[in-house]
C-alpha atoms as a PDB file:
ATOM      1  CA  MET A   1      27.030-120.270 -54.564  1.00  0.00           C
ATOM      2  CA  ALA A   2      28.670-121.623 -57.426  1.00  0.00           C
ATOM      3  CA  SER A   3      27.273-119.735 -60.830  1.00  0.00           C
ATOM      4  CA  GLN A   4      25.206-121.960 -63.561  1.00  0.00           C
ATOM      5  CA  SER A   5      28.661-122.319 -65.221  1.00  0.00           C
ATOM      6  CA  GLY A   6      29.711-124.167 -62.455  1.00  0.00           C
ATOM      7  CA  SER A   7      32.556-121.665 -61.528  1.00  0.00           C
ATOM      8  CA  PRO A   8      33.169-121.725 -57.590  1.00  0.00           C
ATOM      9  CA  GLY A   9      31.222-118.880 -55.882  1.00  0.00           C
ATOM     10  CA  ALA A  10      32.382-116.582 -52.849  1.00  0.00           C
ATOM     11  CA  LEU A  11      30.956-118.961 -50.453  1.00  0.00           C
ATOM     12  CA  HIS A  12      33.407-121.738 -51.801  1.00  0.00           C
ATOM     13  CA  TRP A  13      36.180-119.472 -52.059  1.00  0.00           C
ATOM     14  CA  ALA A  14      35.877-118.805 -48.011  1.00  0.00           C
ATOM     15  CA  ALA A  15      35.264-122.360 -47.445  1.00  0.00           C
ATOM     16  CA  LEU A  16      38.427-123.073 -49.013  1.00  0.00           C
ATOM     17  CA  LEU A  17      40.555-120.288 -47.338  1.00  0.00           C
ATOM     18  CA  ALA A  18      38.672-120.851 -44.018  1.00  0.00           C
ATOM     19  CA  GLY A  19      39.077-124.621 -44.023  1.00  0.00           C
ATOM     20  CA  ASN A  20      42.798-124.219 -44.667  1.00  0.00           C
ATOM     21  CA  VAL A  21      43.157-121.564 -41.648  1.00  0.00           C
ATOM     22  CA  ALA A  22      41.017-123.849 -39.359  1.00  0.00           C
ATOM     23  CA  LEU A  23      43.431-126.953 -40.181  1.00  0.00           C
ATOM     24  CA  ALA A  24      46.810-124.836 -39.727  1.00  0.00           C
ATOM     25  CA  LEU A  25      45.414-123.582 -36.008  1.00  0.00           C
ATOM     26  CA  GLY A  26      44.874-127.287 -34.847  1.00  0.00           C
ATOM     27  CA  PRO A  27      48.731-127.911 -33.927  1.00  0.00           C
ATOM     28  CA  TRP A  28      48.446-124.406 -31.918  1.00  0.00           C
ATOM     29  CA  SER A  29      45.984-126.152 -29.661  1.00  0.00           C
ATOM     30  CA  GLY A  30      47.575-129.608 -29.424  1.00  0.00           C
ATOM     31  CA  ARG A  31      50.556-128.049 -28.462  1.00  0.00           C
ATOM     32  CA  LEU A  32      48.644-125.900 -25.462  1.00  0.00           C
ATOM     33  CA  ALA A  33      46.821-128.930 -24.114  1.00  0.00           C
ATOM     34  CA  ASP A  34      47.657-130.266 -20.945  1.00  0.00           C
ATOM     35  CA  SER A  35      47.497-133.876 -21.824  1.00  0.00           C
ATOM     36  CA  GLY A  36      50.296-136.124 -23.724  1.00  0.00           C
ATOM     37  CA  PRO A  37      50.256-135.622 -27.077  1.00  0.00           C
ATOM     38  CA  VAL A  38      48.786-138.911 -28.343  1.00  0.00           C
ATOM     39  CA  ALA A  39      46.469-138.630 -25.870  1.00  0.00           C
ATOM     40  CA  ALA A  40      45.427-135.160 -27.384  1.00  0.00           C
ATOM     41  CA  GLY A  41      44.732-136.915 -30.612  1.00  0.00           C
ATOM     42  CA  PHE A  42      42.454-139.276 -28.721  1.00  0.00           C
ATOM     43  CA  TRP A  43      40.374-136.348 -27.460  1.00  0.00           C
ATOM     44  CA  ARG A  44      40.425-134.696 -30.958  1.00  0.00           C
ATOM     45  CA  LEU A  45      38.219-137.750 -32.208  1.00  0.00           C
ATOM     46  CA  VAL A  46      36.351-138.339 -29.027  1.00  0.00           C
ATOM     47  CA  ILE A  47      35.106-134.435 -28.787  1.00  0.00           C
ATOM     48  CA  ALA A  48      34.200-134.571 -32.445  1.00  0.00           C
ATOM     49  CA  LEU A  49      32.286-137.814 -32.796  1.00  0.00           C
ATOM     50  CA  PRO A  50      29.235-136.791 -31.682  1.00  0.00           C
ATOM     51  CA  LEU A  51      29.062-133.881 -33.697  1.00  0.00           C
ATOM     52  CA  LEU A  52      30.193-135.979 -36.988  1.00  0.00           C
ATOM     53  CA  TRP A  53      27.486-138.346 -36.285  1.00  0.00           C
ATOM     54  CA  LEU A  54      25.193-135.553 -35.772  1.00  0.00           C
ATOM     55  CA  ILE A  55      26.353-134.026 -39.381  1.00  0.00           C
ATOM     56  CA  ALA A  56      25.896-137.638 -40.989  1.00  0.00           C
ATOM     57  CA  ARG A  57      22.744-138.251 -39.683  1.00  0.00           C
ATOM     58  CA  ARG A  58      21.434-134.985 -41.277  1.00  0.00           C
ATOM     59  CA  MET A  59      22.995-135.489 -43.983  1.00  0.00           C
ATOM     60  CA  GLY A  60      21.487-138.865 -44.623  1.00  0.00           C
ATOM     61  CA  GLU A  61      24.860-140.803 -44.821  1.00  0.00           C
ATOM     62  CA  PRO A  62      24.281-144.445 -43.746  1.00  0.00           C
ATOM     63  CA  VAL A  63      27.292-145.006 -40.829  1.00  0.00           C
ATOM     64  CA  SER A  64      27.616-148.766 -41.699  1.00  0.00           C
ATOM     65  CA  GLY A  65      26.798-151.354 -44.604  1.00  0.00           C
ATOM     66  CA  LEU A  66      29.849-151.742 -46.192  1.00  0.00           C
ATOM     67  CA  PRO A  67      31.059-154.938 -47.937  1.00  0.00           C
ATOM     68  CA  ARG A  68      33.550-156.854 -46.113  1.00  0.00           C
ATOM     69  CA  ARG A  69      36.667-156.408 -48.540  1.00  0.00           C
ATOM     70  CA  THR A  70      35.784-152.746 -48.010  1.00  0.00           C
ATOM     71  CA  ALA A  71      35.442-152.819 -44.196  1.00  0.00           C
ATOM     72  CA  LEU A  72      38.582-154.044 -43.978  1.00  0.00           C
ATOM     73  CA  LEU A  73      40.239-151.681 -45.823  1.00  0.00           C
ATOM     74  CA  VAL A  74      38.841-148.734 -43.899  1.00  0.00           C
ATOM     75  CA  ALA A  75      40.130-150.633 -40.774  1.00  0.00           C
ATOM     76  CA  LEU A  76      43.260-150.933 -42.383  1.00  0.00           C
ATOM     77  CA  GLY A  77      42.932-147.352 -43.382  1.00  0.00           C
ATOM     78  CA  THR A  78      41.830-146.206 -39.790  1.00  0.00           C
ATOM     79  CA  LEU A  79      44.874-148.192 -38.064  1.00  0.00           C
ATOM     80  CA  ALA A  80      46.932-145.786 -40.904  1.00  0.00           C
ATOM     81  CA  PHE A  81      45.148-142.687 -39.702  1.00  0.00           C
ATOM     82  CA  ALA A  82      45.377-143.521 -35.758  1.00  0.00           C
ATOM     83  CA  LEU A  83      49.213-143.914 -36.305  1.00  0.00           C
ATOM     84  CA  ASP A  84      49.241-140.983 -38.189  1.00  0.00           C
ATOM     85  CA  LEU A  85      48.055-138.372 -35.725  1.00  0.00           C
ATOM     86  CA  ALA A  86      49.829-140.187 -32.849  1.00  0.00           C
ATOM     87  CA  LEU A  87      53.113-139.803 -34.536  1.00  0.00           C
ATOM     88  CA  TRP A  88      52.195-136.194 -36.193  1.00  0.00           C
ATOM     89  CA  HIS A  89      51.025-134.725 -32.410  1.00  0.00           C
ATOM     90  CA  VAL A  90      54.302-136.032 -30.999  1.00  0.00           C
ATOM     91  CA  GLY A  91      56.128-134.314 -33.842  1.00  0.00           C
ATOM     92  CA  ILE A  92      54.175-131.506 -32.943  1.00  0.00           C
ATOM     93  CA  GLU A  93      55.959-131.396 -29.754  1.00  0.00           C
ATOM     94  CA  ARG A  94      59.380-131.392 -31.174  1.00  0.00           C
ATOM     95  CA  THR A  95      59.671-129.641 -33.992  1.00  0.00           C
ATOM     96  CA  ARG A  96      58.927-125.692 -35.401  1.00  0.00           C
ATOM     97  CA  LEU A  97      55.329-125.656 -36.543  1.00  0.00           C
ATOM     98  CA  GLY A  98      55.993-124.418 -39.636  1.00  0.00           C
ATOM     99  CA  ASN A  99      57.914-127.841 -40.385  1.00  0.00           C
ATOM    100  CA  ALA A 100      55.075-129.833 -38.456  1.00  0.00           C
ATOM    101  CA  SER A 101      52.757-128.598 -41.106  1.00  0.00           C
ATOM    102  CA  LEU A 102      54.557-128.650 -44.275  1.00  0.00           C
ATOM    103  CA  PHE A 103      56.048-132.539 -43.361  1.00  0.00           C
ATOM    104  CA  GLY A 104      52.244-133.510 -42.160  1.00  0.00           C
ATOM    105  CA  ASN A 105      51.140-132.806 -45.593  1.00  0.00           C
ATOM    106  CA  SER A 106      53.745-134.731 -47.028  1.00  0.00           C
ATOM    107  CA  GLY A 107      51.171-137.588 -48.046  1.00  0.00           C
ATOM    108  CA  SER A 108      50.665-135.710 -51.432  1.00  0.00           C
ATOM    109  CA  LEU A 109      54.097-136.265 -52.580  1.00  0.00           C
ATOM    110  CA  VAL A 110      53.489-140.061 -51.475  1.00  0.00           C
ATOM    111  CA  LEU A 111      50.667-140.206 -53.505  1.00  0.00           C
ATOM    112  CA  LEU A 112      52.359-138.604 -56.510  1.00  0.00           C
ATOM    113  CA  PHE A 113      54.708-141.661 -56.294  1.00  0.00           C
ATOM    114  CA  TRP A 114      52.603-144.067 -55.831  1.00  0.00           C
ATOM    115  CA  GLY A 115      50.420-143.017 -59.111  1.00  0.00           C
ATOM    116  CA  ILE A 116      53.817-143.411 -60.603  1.00  0.00           C
ATOM    117  CA  LEU A 117      54.610-146.503 -59.715  1.00  0.00           C
ATOM    118  CA  VAL A 118      50.838-147.962 -60.438  1.00  0.00           C
ATOM    119  CA  ALA A 119      51.415-146.418 -64.054  1.00  0.00           C
ATOM    120  CA  ARG A 120      54.459-148.044 -64.674  1.00  0.00           C
ATOM    121  CA  THR A 121      55.825-144.856 -66.385  1.00  0.00           C
ATOM    122  CA  MET A 122      58.873-142.638 -65.705  1.00  0.00           C
ATOM    123  CA  PRO A 123      57.833-139.006 -64.217  1.00  0.00           C
ATOM    124  CA  ALA A 124      56.479-136.317 -66.230  1.00  0.00           C
ATOM    125  CA  ARG A 125      58.783-133.091 -66.225  1.00  0.00           C
ATOM    126  CA  ALA A 126      56.201-131.691 -63.334  1.00  0.00           C
ATOM    127  CA  GLU A 127      56.709-134.743 -61.443  1.00  0.00           C
ATOM    128  CA  TRP A 128      60.491-134.809 -61.590  1.00  0.00           C
ATOM    129  CA  ALA A 129      60.322-131.263 -60.347  1.00  0.00           C
ATOM    130  CA  ALA A 130      57.902-131.946 -57.393  1.00  0.00           C
ATOM    131  CA  ILE A 131      60.824-134.940 -56.443  1.00  0.00           C
ATOM    132  CA  VAL A 132      63.740-132.667 -56.638  1.00  0.00           C
ATOM    133  CA  LEU A 133      62.013-129.529 -54.930  1.00  0.00           C
ATOM    134  CA  ALA A 134      60.761-132.154 -51.887  1.00  0.00           C
ATOM    135  CA  LEU A 135      64.273-133.257 -51.433  1.00  0.00           C
ATOM    136  CA  GLY A 136      65.945-130.511 -51.803  1.00  0.00           C
ATOM    137  CA  GLY A 137      63.575-128.415 -49.354  1.00  0.00           C
ATOM    138  CA  ALA A 138      63.241-131.098 -46.900  1.00  0.00           C
ATOM    139  CA  ALA A 139      67.166-131.634 -46.643  1.00  0.00           C
ATOM    140  CA  ILE A 140      67.417-127.893 -45.877  1.00  0.00           C
ATOM    141  CA  LEU A 141      64.787-128.124 -43.254  1.00  0.00           C
ATOM    142  CA  MET A 142      65.960-130.821 -41.691  1.00  0.00           C
ATOM    143  CA  GLY A 143      69.577-129.437 -41.676  1.00  0.00           C
ATOM    144  CA  ARG A 144      68.362-126.647 -40.105  1.00  0.00           C
ATOM    145  CA  SER A 145      66.317-128.778 -37.133  1.00  0.00           C
ATOM    146  CA  ALA A 146      69.657-130.773 -36.857  1.00  0.00           C
ATOM    147  CA  ASP A 147      71.546-127.503 -36.034  1.00  0.00           C
ATOM    148  CA  ILE A 148      68.865-126.330 -33.645  1.00  0.00           C
ATOM    149  CA  SER A 149      68.660-129.902 -31.585  1.00  0.00           C
ATOM    150  CA  ALA A 150      68.557-133.628 -32.194  1.00  0.00           C
ATOM    151  CA  SER A 151      64.872-133.567 -30.631  1.00  0.00           C
ATOM    152  CA  THR A 152      64.061-131.159 -33.435  1.00  0.00           C
ATOM    153  CA  LEU A 153      65.424-133.291 -35.853  1.00  0.00           C
ATOM    154  CA  VAL A 154      63.588-136.328 -34.649  1.00  0.00           C
ATOM    155  CA  GLY A 155      60.250-134.052 -34.779  1.00  0.00           C
ATOM    156  CA  ASP A 156      60.621-133.602 -38.739  1.00  0.00           C
ATOM    157  CA  LEU A 157      61.124-137.756 -38.795  1.00  0.00           C
ATOM    158  CA  PHE A 158      58.048-138.135 -36.918  1.00  0.00           C
ATOM    159  CA  CYS A 159      55.874-135.512 -39.105  1.00  0.00           C
ATOM    160  CA  VAL A 160      57.181-137.001 -42.010  1.00  0.00           C
ATOM    161  CA  SER A 161      56.175-140.587 -41.073  1.00  0.00           C
ATOM    162  CA  ALA A 162      52.778-139.133 -40.246  1.00  0.00           C
ATOM    163  CA  GLY A 163      52.192-137.847 -43.702  1.00  0.00           C
ATOM    164  CA  PHE A 164      53.429-141.052 -45.165  1.00  0.00           C
ATOM    165  CA  LEU A 165      50.693-142.918 -43.251  1.00  0.00           C
ATOM    166  CA  TYR A 166      48.222-140.344 -44.038  1.00  0.00           C
ATOM    167  CA  ALA A 167      48.734-141.225 -47.803  1.00  0.00           C
ATOM    168  CA  VAL A 168      48.122-145.156 -46.725  1.00  0.00           C
ATOM    169  CA  TYR A 169      45.017-143.902 -44.914  1.00  0.00           C
ATOM    170  CA  LEU A 170      43.860-141.994 -47.966  1.00  0.00           C
ATOM    171  CA  LEU A 171      44.757-145.158 -50.452  1.00  0.00           C
ATOM    172  CA  CYS A 172      42.532-147.696 -48.329  1.00  0.00           C
ATOM    173  CA  LEU A 173      39.465-145.264 -48.342  1.00  0.00           C
ATOM    174  CA  GLN A 174      39.126-144.845 -51.914  1.00  0.00           C
ATOM    175  CA  ASP A 175      36.390-147.515 -52.015  1.00  0.00           C
ATOM    176  CA  ALA A 176      34.802-146.673 -49.157  1.00  0.00           C
ATOM    177  CA  ARG A 177      34.023-142.934 -49.935  1.00  0.00           C
ATOM    178  CA  LYS A 178      32.154-144.476 -53.055  1.00  0.00           C
ATOM    179  CA  GLY A 179      29.952-146.424 -50.604  1.00  0.00           C
ATOM    180  CA  LEU A 180      29.790-143.837 -47.580  1.00  0.00           C
ATOM    181  CA  GLY A 181      29.255-139.795 -47.668  1.00  0.00           C
ATOM    182  CA  GLY A 182      31.867-138.242 -46.294  1.00  0.00           C
ATOM    183  CA  TRP A 183      30.463-137.538 -42.677  1.00  0.00           C
ATOM    184  CA  ALA A 184      29.663-140.881 -42.154  1.00  0.00           C
ATOM    185  CA  LEU A 185      33.345-141.799 -43.013  1.00  0.00           C
ATOM    186  CA  LEU A 186      34.632-139.699 -40.614  1.00  0.00           C
ATOM    187  CA  THR A 187      32.183-140.849 -37.884  1.00  0.00           C
ATOM    188  CA  ARG A 188      33.343-144.432 -38.709  1.00  0.00           C
ATOM    189  CA  VAL A 189      36.777-143.571 -38.892  1.00  0.00           C
ATOM    190  CA  CYS A 190      36.837-141.512 -35.217  1.00  0.00           C
ATOM    191  CA  LEU A 191      34.915-144.312 -33.853  1.00  0.00           C
ATOM    192  CA  LEU A 192      37.727-146.811 -35.124  1.00  0.00           C
ATOM    193  CA  ALA A 193      40.536-144.620 -34.538  1.00  0.00           C
ATOM    194  CA  ALA A 194      40.063-143.318 -30.934  1.00  0.00           C
ATOM    195  CA  PRO A 195      40.863-146.830 -29.234  1.00  0.00           C
ATOM    196  CA  VAL A 196      43.667-147.370 -31.165  1.00  0.00           C
ATOM    197  CA  LEU A 197      45.057-143.751 -29.654  1.00  0.00           C
ATOM    198  CA  LEU A 198      43.903-144.111 -26.197  1.00  0.00           C
ATOM    199  CA  ALA A 199      46.212-147.760 -25.905  1.00  0.00           C
ATOM    200  CA  VAL A 200      49.159-146.027 -27.750  1.00  0.00           C
ATOM    201  CA  ALA A 201      48.938-143.153 -25.043  1.00  0.00           C
ATOM    202  CA  TRP A 202      48.315-145.332 -22.296  1.00  0.00           C
ATOM    203  CA  LEU A 203      51.326-147.378 -23.416  1.00  0.00           C
ATOM    204  CA  ARG A 204      53.217-144.178 -23.757  1.00  0.00           C
ATOM    205  CA  GLY A 205      52.602-143.337 -20.134  1.00  0.00           C
ATOM    206  CA  GLU A 206      50.854-139.928 -20.939  1.00  0.00           C
ATOM    207  CA  PRO A 207      48.636-138.234 -18.859  1.00  0.00           C
ATOM    208  CA  ILE A 208      45.201-138.812 -20.341  1.00  0.00           C
ATOM    209  CA  TRP A 209      42.892-136.877 -18.259  1.00  0.00           C
ATOM    210  CA  PRO A 210      43.346-132.901 -19.023  1.00  0.00           C
ATOM    211  CA  GLN A 211      42.559-130.353 -16.550  1.00  0.00           C
ATOM    212  CA  ASN A 212      42.442-127.653 -19.235  1.00  0.00           C
ATOM    213  CA  TRP A 213      39.766-128.747 -21.750  1.00  0.00           C
ATOM    214  CA  THR A 214      39.841-125.632 -24.076  1.00  0.00           C
ATOM    215  CA  PRO A 215      42.608-126.741 -26.174  1.00  0.00           C
ATOM    216  CA  LEU A 216      41.273-130.191 -26.520  1.00  0.00           C
ATOM    217  CA  VAL A 217      37.533-128.664 -27.667  1.00  0.00           C
ATOM    218  CA  LEU A 218      39.055-126.316 -30.180  1.00  0.00           C
ATOM    219  CA  LEU A 219      41.610-128.841 -31.591  1.00  0.00           C
ATOM    220  CA  ALA A 220      38.273-131.170 -32.193  1.00  0.00           C
ATOM    221  CA  LEU A 221      36.109-128.481 -33.813  1.00  0.00           C
ATOM    222  CA  LEU A 222      39.186-126.615 -35.747  1.00  0.00           C
ATOM    223  CA  SER A 223      40.642-129.716 -37.043  1.00  0.00           C
ATOM    224  CA  GLN A 224      37.892-132.595 -36.860  1.00  0.00           C
ATOM    225  CA  VAL A 225      34.714-130.837 -37.927  1.00  0.00           C
ATOM    226  CA  LEU A 226      35.341-127.061 -39.006  1.00  0.00           C
ATOM    227  CA  GLY A 227      38.711-127.762 -41.425  1.00  0.00           C
ATOM    228  CA  GLN A 228      37.108-131.111 -42.758  1.00  0.00           C
ATOM    229  CA  GLY A 229      33.433-129.817 -43.222  1.00  0.00           C
ATOM    230  CA  LEU A 230      34.777-126.490 -44.646  1.00  0.00           C
ATOM    231  CA  LEU A 231      36.618-128.206 -47.198  1.00  0.00           C
ATOM    232  CA  VAL A 232      34.313-131.229 -47.893  1.00  0.00           C
ATOM    233  CA  PHE A 233      32.034-128.251 -49.306  1.00  0.00           C
ATOM    234  CA  ALA A 234      34.897-126.579 -51.259  1.00  0.00           C
ATOM    235  CA  LEU A 235      37.156-129.078 -52.904  1.00  0.00           C
ATOM    236  CA  ARG A 236      34.444-130.317 -55.308  1.00  0.00           C
ATOM    237  CA  ALA A 237      34.202-126.506 -56.821  1.00  0.00           C
ATOM    238  CA  PHE A 238      37.765-126.333 -57.456  1.00  0.00           C
ATOM    239  CA  SER A 239      40.657-127.693 -59.728  1.00  0.00           C
ATOM    240  CA  PRO A 240      43.425-129.760 -58.190  1.00  0.00           C
ATOM    241  CA  MET A 241      46.025-127.316 -58.915  1.00  0.00           C
ATOM    242  CA  ILE A 242      43.921-124.263 -57.070  1.00  0.00           C
ATOM    243  CA  ILE A 243      43.705-126.728 -54.174  1.00  0.00           C
ATOM    244  CA  GLY A 244      47.271-127.666 -53.790  1.00  0.00           C
ATOM    245  CA  LEU A 245      48.022-123.848 -53.612  1.00  0.00           C
ATOM    246  CA  ALA A 246      45.500-123.501 -50.971  1.00  0.00           C
ATOM    247  CA  LEU A 247      47.101-125.755 -49.014  1.00  0.00           C
ATOM    248  CA  LEU A 248      49.836-123.727 -48.958  1.00  0.00           C
ATOM    249  CA  MET A 249      48.149-121.675 -46.663  1.00  0.00           C
ATOM    250  CA  GLN A 250      48.537-124.235 -43.806  1.00  0.00           C
ATOM    251  CA  PRO A 251      52.408-123.953 -43.244  1.00  0.00           C
ATOM    252  CA  ALA A 252      52.567-119.976 -43.764  1.00  0.00           C
ATOM    253  CA  VAL A 253      49.805-119.411 -41.005  1.00  0.00           C
ATOM    254  CA  ALA A 254      51.709-122.055 -38.735  1.00  0.00           C
ATOM    255  CA  VAL A 255      54.943-120.105 -39.107  1.00  0.00           C
ATOM    256  CA  ALA A 256      53.169-117.038 -38.228  1.00  0.00           C
ATOM    257  CA  TYR A 257      51.705-118.054 -35.049  1.00  0.00           C
ATOM    258  CA  GLY A 258      54.847-120.053 -34.251  1.00  0.00           C
ATOM    259  CA  PHE A 259      56.615-116.860 -34.111  1.00  0.00           C
ATOM    260  CA  LEU A 260      54.003-114.752 -32.481  1.00  0.00           C
ATOM    261  CA  ALA A 261      52.705-117.516 -29.854  1.00  0.00           C
ATOM    262  CA  PHE A 262      56.115-119.333 -29.533  1.00  0.00           C
ATOM    263  CA  GLY A 263      58.952-117.451 -30.830  1.00  0.00           C
ATOM    264  CA  GLU A 264      59.825-119.818 -33.351  1.00  0.00           C
ATOM    265  CA  VAL A 265      62.202-118.023 -35.728  1.00  0.00           C
ATOM    266  CA  LEU A 266      62.889-118.955 -39.213  1.00  0.00           C
ATOM    267  CA  GLY A 267      66.037-117.575 -41.138  1.00  0.00           C
ATOM    268  CA  PRO A 268      66.369-116.826 -44.914  1.00  0.00           C
ATOM    269  CA  LEU A 269      67.513-120.802 -45.577  1.00  0.00           C
ATOM    270  CA  ASP A 270      64.360-122.350 -43.607  1.00  0.00           C
ATOM    271  CA  MET A 271      62.191-119.782 -45.448  1.00  0.00           C
ATOM    272  CA  VAL A 272      63.962-121.292 -48.903  1.00  0.00           C
ATOM    273  CA  GLY A 273      63.431-124.901 -47.708  1.00  0.00           C
ATOM    274  CA  MET A 274      59.488-123.979 -47.070  1.00  0.00           C
ATOM    275  CA  VAL A 275      58.801-122.526 -50.314  1.00  0.00           C
ATOM    276  CA  MET A 276      60.522-125.753 -52.477  1.00  0.00           C
ATOM    277  CA  VAL A 277      58.717-127.933 -49.970  1.00  0.00           C
ATOM    278  CA  GLY A 278      55.377-126.389 -50.523  1.00  0.00           C
ATOM    279  CA  ALA A 279      55.838-125.825 -54.302  1.00  0.00           C
ATOM    280  CA  ALA A 280      56.309-129.508 -54.653  1.00  0.00           C
ATOM    281  CA  LEU A 281      53.365-129.986 -52.586  1.00  0.00           C
ATOM    282  CA  ALA A 282      51.012-127.872 -54.594  1.00  0.00           C
ATOM    283  CA  VAL A 283      52.981-129.593 -57.779  1.00  0.00           C
ATOM    284  CA  ALA A 284      52.043-132.957 -55.947  1.00  0.00           C
ATOM    285  CA  ARG A 285      48.321-131.887 -55.242  1.00  0.00           C
ATOM    286  CA  ALA A 286      47.640-131.025 -58.841  1.00  0.00           C
ATOM    287  CA  ARG A 287      49.238-134.193 -60.452  1.00  0.00           C
ATOM    288  CA  THR A 288      47.336-136.754 -57.976  1.00  0.00           C
ATOM    289  CA  GLY A 289      43.614-134.495 -57.922  1.00  0.00           C
END
């Protein structure tokens, strides 16, 4: 546990590392699911929902009782989250898993830009560095994806769009986090987002009912329960810079199993691009807190 001085203890470090690994393994499970990609996002939320509700009850966190304005913002944020999952799961099917993980986390950069706009100030040196690294690294990775196929490049764009929507989700839920606990908020979001994903999957004509439930159960437990839960426990004990650096575990793990399980090979130029985007994400996470 944390020491009396307030520094993170061994359990916090273990939770931070394990939480990022669990989140990184989510795309693997999603790609193995025999439902459609958006339908996999629907089952991810539905399977996790009872567990999240039980944890929220156990923690004494109320699932209802928000002011009207906050409830409307939660509804808007939930819509953004549902579309984020839909786009990201479609992107996972089309692009390399390392790219999907990096671009799916690009919400940190969006929040950095948003903070600059709200403050109406010119970016500081570190922020300029993040912007340049992000744009340069993304250009390299997308150029390499275009060399593979047009579909791979489209997958990158889906994941970038998902990262933007995730930032919208975080911004909309700022006030709700003060009135609800983390678990109660996750429960509410899953409850409202699941029907949106089901509707999108149906409109796309995807197979919804799976033949093999194992990948979907793993997806729900790893991405929505274990990964989120461990990070909720760990994040309060660390500085934003440490959190940003730990975030880089996700693309690293995704690259590893993308190679081992799916034969996705990255060249030196791909690695340069990933390092540039990863560094930008770490700086952005540190600057936005």
